N, C-alpha and C. Protein backbone atom coordinates (compact mmCIF):
# COMPACT_ATOMS: atom_id res chain seq x y z
N MET A 1 14.73 222.98 33.80
CA MET A 1 14.80 222.55 32.32
C MET A 1 13.91 223.75 31.65
N ILE A 2 14.50 224.05 30.48
CA ILE A 2 13.97 225.17 29.76
C ILE A 2 12.50 224.60 29.17
N ARG A 3 11.49 225.54 29.28
CA ARG A 3 10.18 225.10 28.81
C ARG A 3 10.02 225.26 27.27
N MET A 4 9.46 224.31 26.66
CA MET A 4 9.34 224.50 25.25
C MET A 4 8.25 225.34 24.99
N ARG A 5 8.36 226.15 23.78
CA ARG A 5 7.33 227.16 23.51
C ARG A 5 6.24 226.24 22.63
N ASP A 6 6.82 225.32 21.91
CA ASP A 6 5.86 224.62 20.90
C ASP A 6 6.23 223.16 21.13
N LYS A 7 5.24 222.44 21.68
CA LYS A 7 5.53 220.94 22.03
C LYS A 7 5.68 220.19 20.69
N TYR A 8 5.37 220.76 19.45
CA TYR A 8 5.37 219.94 18.37
C TYR A 8 6.63 220.62 17.41
N LEU A 9 7.42 221.26 17.97
CA LEU A 9 8.60 221.92 17.11
C LEU A 9 9.29 220.91 16.53
N HIS A 10 9.75 219.78 17.33
CA HIS A 10 10.64 218.64 16.55
C HIS A 10 9.96 218.15 15.46
N THR A 11 8.65 217.84 15.56
CA THR A 11 7.97 217.16 14.17
C THR A 11 7.85 218.26 13.09
N LYS A 12 7.76 219.47 13.49
CA LYS A 12 7.53 220.55 12.54
C LYS A 12 8.75 220.60 11.80
N ILE A 13 10.04 220.71 12.47
CA ILE A 13 11.26 221.06 11.63
C ILE A 13 11.49 219.77 10.70
N ILE A 14 11.17 218.53 11.11
CA ILE A 14 11.45 217.36 10.40
C ILE A 14 10.52 217.32 9.05
N SER A 15 9.25 217.64 9.39
CA SER A 15 8.23 217.81 8.23
C SER A 15 8.78 218.92 7.53
N LEU A 16 9.31 219.93 7.89
CA LEU A 16 9.78 221.11 7.01
C LEU A 16 10.93 220.56 5.92
N PHE A 17 11.99 219.84 6.55
CA PHE A 17 12.80 219.21 5.88
C PHE A 17 12.42 218.19 4.82
N ASP A 18 11.37 217.46 5.20
CA ASP A 18 10.73 216.52 4.27
C ASP A 18 10.02 217.17 3.15
N LEU A 19 9.47 218.25 3.30
CA LEU A 19 8.75 219.23 2.33
C LEU A 19 9.70 219.73 1.41
N LEU A 20 11.01 220.12 1.94
CA LEU A 20 12.06 220.78 1.24
C LEU A 20 12.67 219.61 0.23
N ALA A 21 12.88 218.49 0.77
CA ALA A 21 13.45 217.55 0.00
C ALA A 21 12.58 217.01 -0.97
N ARG A 22 11.35 216.98 -0.84
CA ARG A 22 10.39 216.57 -1.93
C ARG A 22 10.41 217.74 -3.03
N LYS A 23 10.48 218.79 -2.68
CA LYS A 23 10.39 220.08 -3.68
C LYS A 23 11.70 220.06 -4.32
N HIS A 24 12.80 219.52 -3.51
CA HIS A 24 14.14 219.56 -4.21
C HIS A 24 14.17 218.46 -5.34
N VAL A 25 13.46 217.27 -5.18
CA VAL A 25 13.53 216.26 -6.14
C VAL A 25 12.56 216.59 -7.18
N LYS A 26 11.38 217.30 -7.13
CA LYS A 26 10.54 217.80 -8.26
C LYS A 26 11.11 218.75 -9.09
N THR A 27 12.07 219.85 -8.42
CA THR A 27 12.76 220.75 -9.13
C THR A 27 13.77 220.17 -9.92
N LEU A 28 14.52 219.35 -9.29
CA LEU A 28 15.57 218.50 -10.10
C LEU A 28 15.12 217.66 -11.28
N ASP A 29 14.03 217.00 -11.06
CA ASP A 29 13.37 216.33 -12.16
C ASP A 29 12.96 217.36 -13.33
N LEU A 30 12.34 218.51 -12.79
CA LEU A 30 11.91 219.24 -13.96
C LEU A 30 13.15 219.97 -14.75
N ILE A 31 14.33 220.18 -14.08
CA ILE A 31 15.53 220.71 -14.87
C ILE A 31 16.08 219.67 -15.69
N GLN A 32 16.02 218.35 -15.24
CA GLN A 32 16.52 217.26 -16.16
C GLN A 32 15.63 217.06 -17.41
N GLN A 33 14.47 217.36 -17.18
CA GLN A 33 13.42 217.25 -18.22
C GLN A 33 13.65 218.38 -19.24
N GLN A 34 13.91 219.57 -18.74
CA GLN A 34 14.14 220.61 -19.55
C GLN A 34 15.54 220.48 -20.33
N GLN A 35 16.44 219.87 -19.85
CA GLN A 35 17.80 219.76 -20.36
C GLN A 35 17.52 218.88 -21.71
N GLN A 36 16.66 217.79 -21.52
CA GLN A 36 16.49 216.97 -22.45
C GLN A 36 15.81 217.57 -23.75
N THR A 37 14.87 218.57 -23.39
CA THR A 37 14.18 219.08 -24.52
C THR A 37 14.56 220.66 -24.66
N LEU A 38 15.82 220.92 -24.25
CA LEU A 38 16.32 222.32 -24.45
C LEU A 38 16.42 222.66 -25.96
N THR A 39 15.88 223.83 -26.22
CA THR A 39 15.92 224.43 -27.58
C THR A 39 16.57 225.80 -27.42
N THR A 40 16.78 226.48 -28.44
CA THR A 40 17.38 227.66 -28.36
C THR A 40 16.35 228.86 -28.17
N ASN A 41 15.26 228.54 -27.69
CA ASN A 41 14.19 229.50 -27.50
C ASN A 41 14.78 230.25 -26.11
N THR A 42 14.56 231.49 -26.35
CA THR A 42 15.02 232.48 -24.93
C THR A 42 14.10 232.08 -23.88
N SER A 43 12.75 231.91 -24.04
CA SER A 43 11.83 232.03 -22.87
C SER A 43 12.07 230.56 -22.16
N ASN A 44 12.59 229.49 -22.89
CA ASN A 44 12.81 228.33 -22.25
C ASN A 44 14.20 228.47 -21.54
N ASP A 45 15.16 229.24 -22.00
CA ASP A 45 16.33 229.36 -21.02
C ASP A 45 16.08 230.34 -19.99
N ASN A 46 15.04 231.21 -19.96
CA ASN A 46 14.86 231.93 -18.84
C ASN A 46 14.11 231.01 -17.77
N ILE A 47 13.25 230.27 -18.24
CA ILE A 47 12.55 229.35 -17.31
C ILE A 47 13.63 228.23 -16.71
N PHE A 48 14.34 227.85 -17.45
CA PHE A 48 15.44 226.92 -17.03
C PHE A 48 16.33 227.47 -15.95
N ASN A 49 16.76 228.89 -16.12
CA ASN A 49 17.57 229.57 -15.24
C ASN A 49 16.78 229.72 -13.93
N GLU A 50 15.52 230.03 -14.13
CA GLU A 50 14.74 230.21 -12.87
C GLU A 50 14.65 229.16 -12.09
N ASN A 51 14.59 227.84 -12.61
CA ASN A 51 14.51 226.59 -11.95
C ASN A 51 15.92 226.23 -11.37
N VAL A 52 16.97 226.59 -12.01
CA VAL A 52 18.27 226.41 -11.52
C VAL A 52 18.45 227.35 -10.26
N GLN A 53 17.98 228.55 -10.23
CA GLN A 53 18.18 229.41 -9.17
C GLN A 53 17.31 228.78 -7.95
N ASP A 54 16.03 228.37 -8.27
CA ASP A 54 15.19 227.79 -7.29
C ASP A 54 15.85 226.69 -6.50
N LEU A 55 16.37 225.80 -7.37
CA LEU A 55 17.09 224.56 -6.91
C LEU A 55 18.20 224.89 -5.85
N SER A 56 18.94 226.08 -6.24
CA SER A 56 20.10 226.60 -5.48
C SER A 56 19.59 227.00 -4.09
N ILE A 57 18.45 227.71 -4.11
CA ILE A 57 17.69 228.36 -2.79
C ILE A 57 17.12 227.28 -2.03
N ILE A 58 16.66 226.17 -2.71
CA ILE A 58 16.21 225.20 -1.85
C ILE A 58 17.44 224.39 -1.15
N GLU A 59 18.42 224.10 -1.86
CA GLU A 59 19.58 223.46 -1.33
C GLU A 59 20.05 224.23 -0.08
N ASP A 60 20.18 225.61 -0.14
CA ASP A 60 20.61 226.42 0.82
C ASP A 60 19.71 226.34 2.06
N ILE A 61 18.28 226.29 1.90
CA ILE A 61 17.48 226.27 3.03
C ILE A 61 17.57 224.86 3.65
N MET A 62 17.71 223.85 2.93
CA MET A 62 17.86 222.59 3.48
C MET A 62 19.16 222.58 4.39
N ARG A 63 20.17 223.25 3.90
CA ARG A 63 21.40 223.15 4.62
C ARG A 63 21.19 223.81 6.10
N MET A 64 20.53 224.97 5.94
CA MET A 64 20.21 225.77 7.21
C MET A 64 19.42 224.85 8.12
N VAL A 65 18.34 224.17 7.72
CA VAL A 65 17.51 223.21 8.44
C VAL A 65 18.47 222.22 9.02
N LEU A 66 19.20 221.52 8.30
CA LEU A 66 20.06 220.58 8.85
C LEU A 66 20.94 221.12 9.91
N GLU A 67 21.42 222.29 9.82
CA GLU A 67 22.40 222.77 10.83
C GLU A 67 21.66 223.22 11.96
N ILE A 68 20.36 223.58 11.97
CA ILE A 68 19.48 223.81 13.17
C ILE A 68 19.31 222.52 13.92
N ILE A 69 18.84 221.40 13.12
CA ILE A 69 18.71 220.14 13.63
C ILE A 69 20.12 219.62 14.48
N ASN A 70 21.25 219.74 13.67
CA ASN A 70 22.37 219.43 14.25
C ASN A 70 22.80 220.09 15.55
N SER A 71 22.59 221.47 15.31
CA SER A 71 22.64 222.28 16.70
C SER A 71 21.87 221.87 18.01
N CYS A 72 20.46 221.48 17.66
CA CYS A 72 19.69 221.04 18.61
C CYS A 72 20.15 219.64 19.32
N LEU A 73 20.66 218.71 18.40
CA LEU A 73 21.03 217.55 18.85
C LEU A 73 22.26 217.61 19.55
N THR A 74 23.34 218.35 19.14
CA THR A 74 24.61 218.54 19.74
C THR A 74 24.39 219.11 21.18
N HIS A 75 23.59 220.19 21.32
CA HIS A 75 23.56 220.88 22.62
C HIS A 75 22.70 219.93 23.62
N THR A 76 22.02 219.03 23.15
CA THR A 76 21.02 218.24 24.23
C THR A 76 21.74 216.88 24.38
N LEU A 77 22.93 216.52 23.91
CA LEU A 77 23.28 215.15 23.83
C LEU A 77 23.51 214.88 25.48
N GLN A 78 24.07 215.47 26.33
CA GLN A 78 24.18 215.30 27.69
C GLN A 78 22.93 214.96 28.41
N HIS A 79 21.91 215.41 27.84
CA HIS A 79 20.60 215.19 28.53
C HIS A 79 19.82 214.07 27.90
N ASN A 80 20.25 213.72 26.79
CA ASN A 80 19.62 212.44 25.97
C ASN A 80 20.61 211.25 25.92
N ILE A 81 20.78 210.46 27.02
CA ILE A 81 21.63 209.40 26.93
C ILE A 81 21.33 208.35 26.06
N ASN A 82 19.95 208.34 25.63
CA ASN A 82 19.45 207.04 24.85
C ASN A 82 19.82 207.36 23.26
N LEU A 83 20.18 208.57 22.97
CA LEU A 83 20.47 208.94 21.54
C LEU A 83 21.71 208.27 21.06
N ILE A 84 21.37 207.38 20.09
CA ILE A 84 22.56 206.72 19.32
C ILE A 84 22.78 207.22 17.86
N TYR A 85 23.87 207.64 17.61
CA TYR A 85 24.04 208.07 16.36
C TYR A 85 25.44 207.50 15.64
């Protein structure tokens, strides 16, 4: 069996996803608040656009982390008979 380099890797990747999910919720709330108070001010538009870009980046990173988790689970199914999905 392959030796693990980091015995806490599984918890770190899940906590990374949790951190990203919390940041996603905060950014989404911020965008919704800005939409409610949106004025024609250019500086507000720039901040709004930056937050939308941040949200897109966070979603892409979350998608990558989920793909990594999926890959890890898929390739270890034959060794983990107790895994129920």
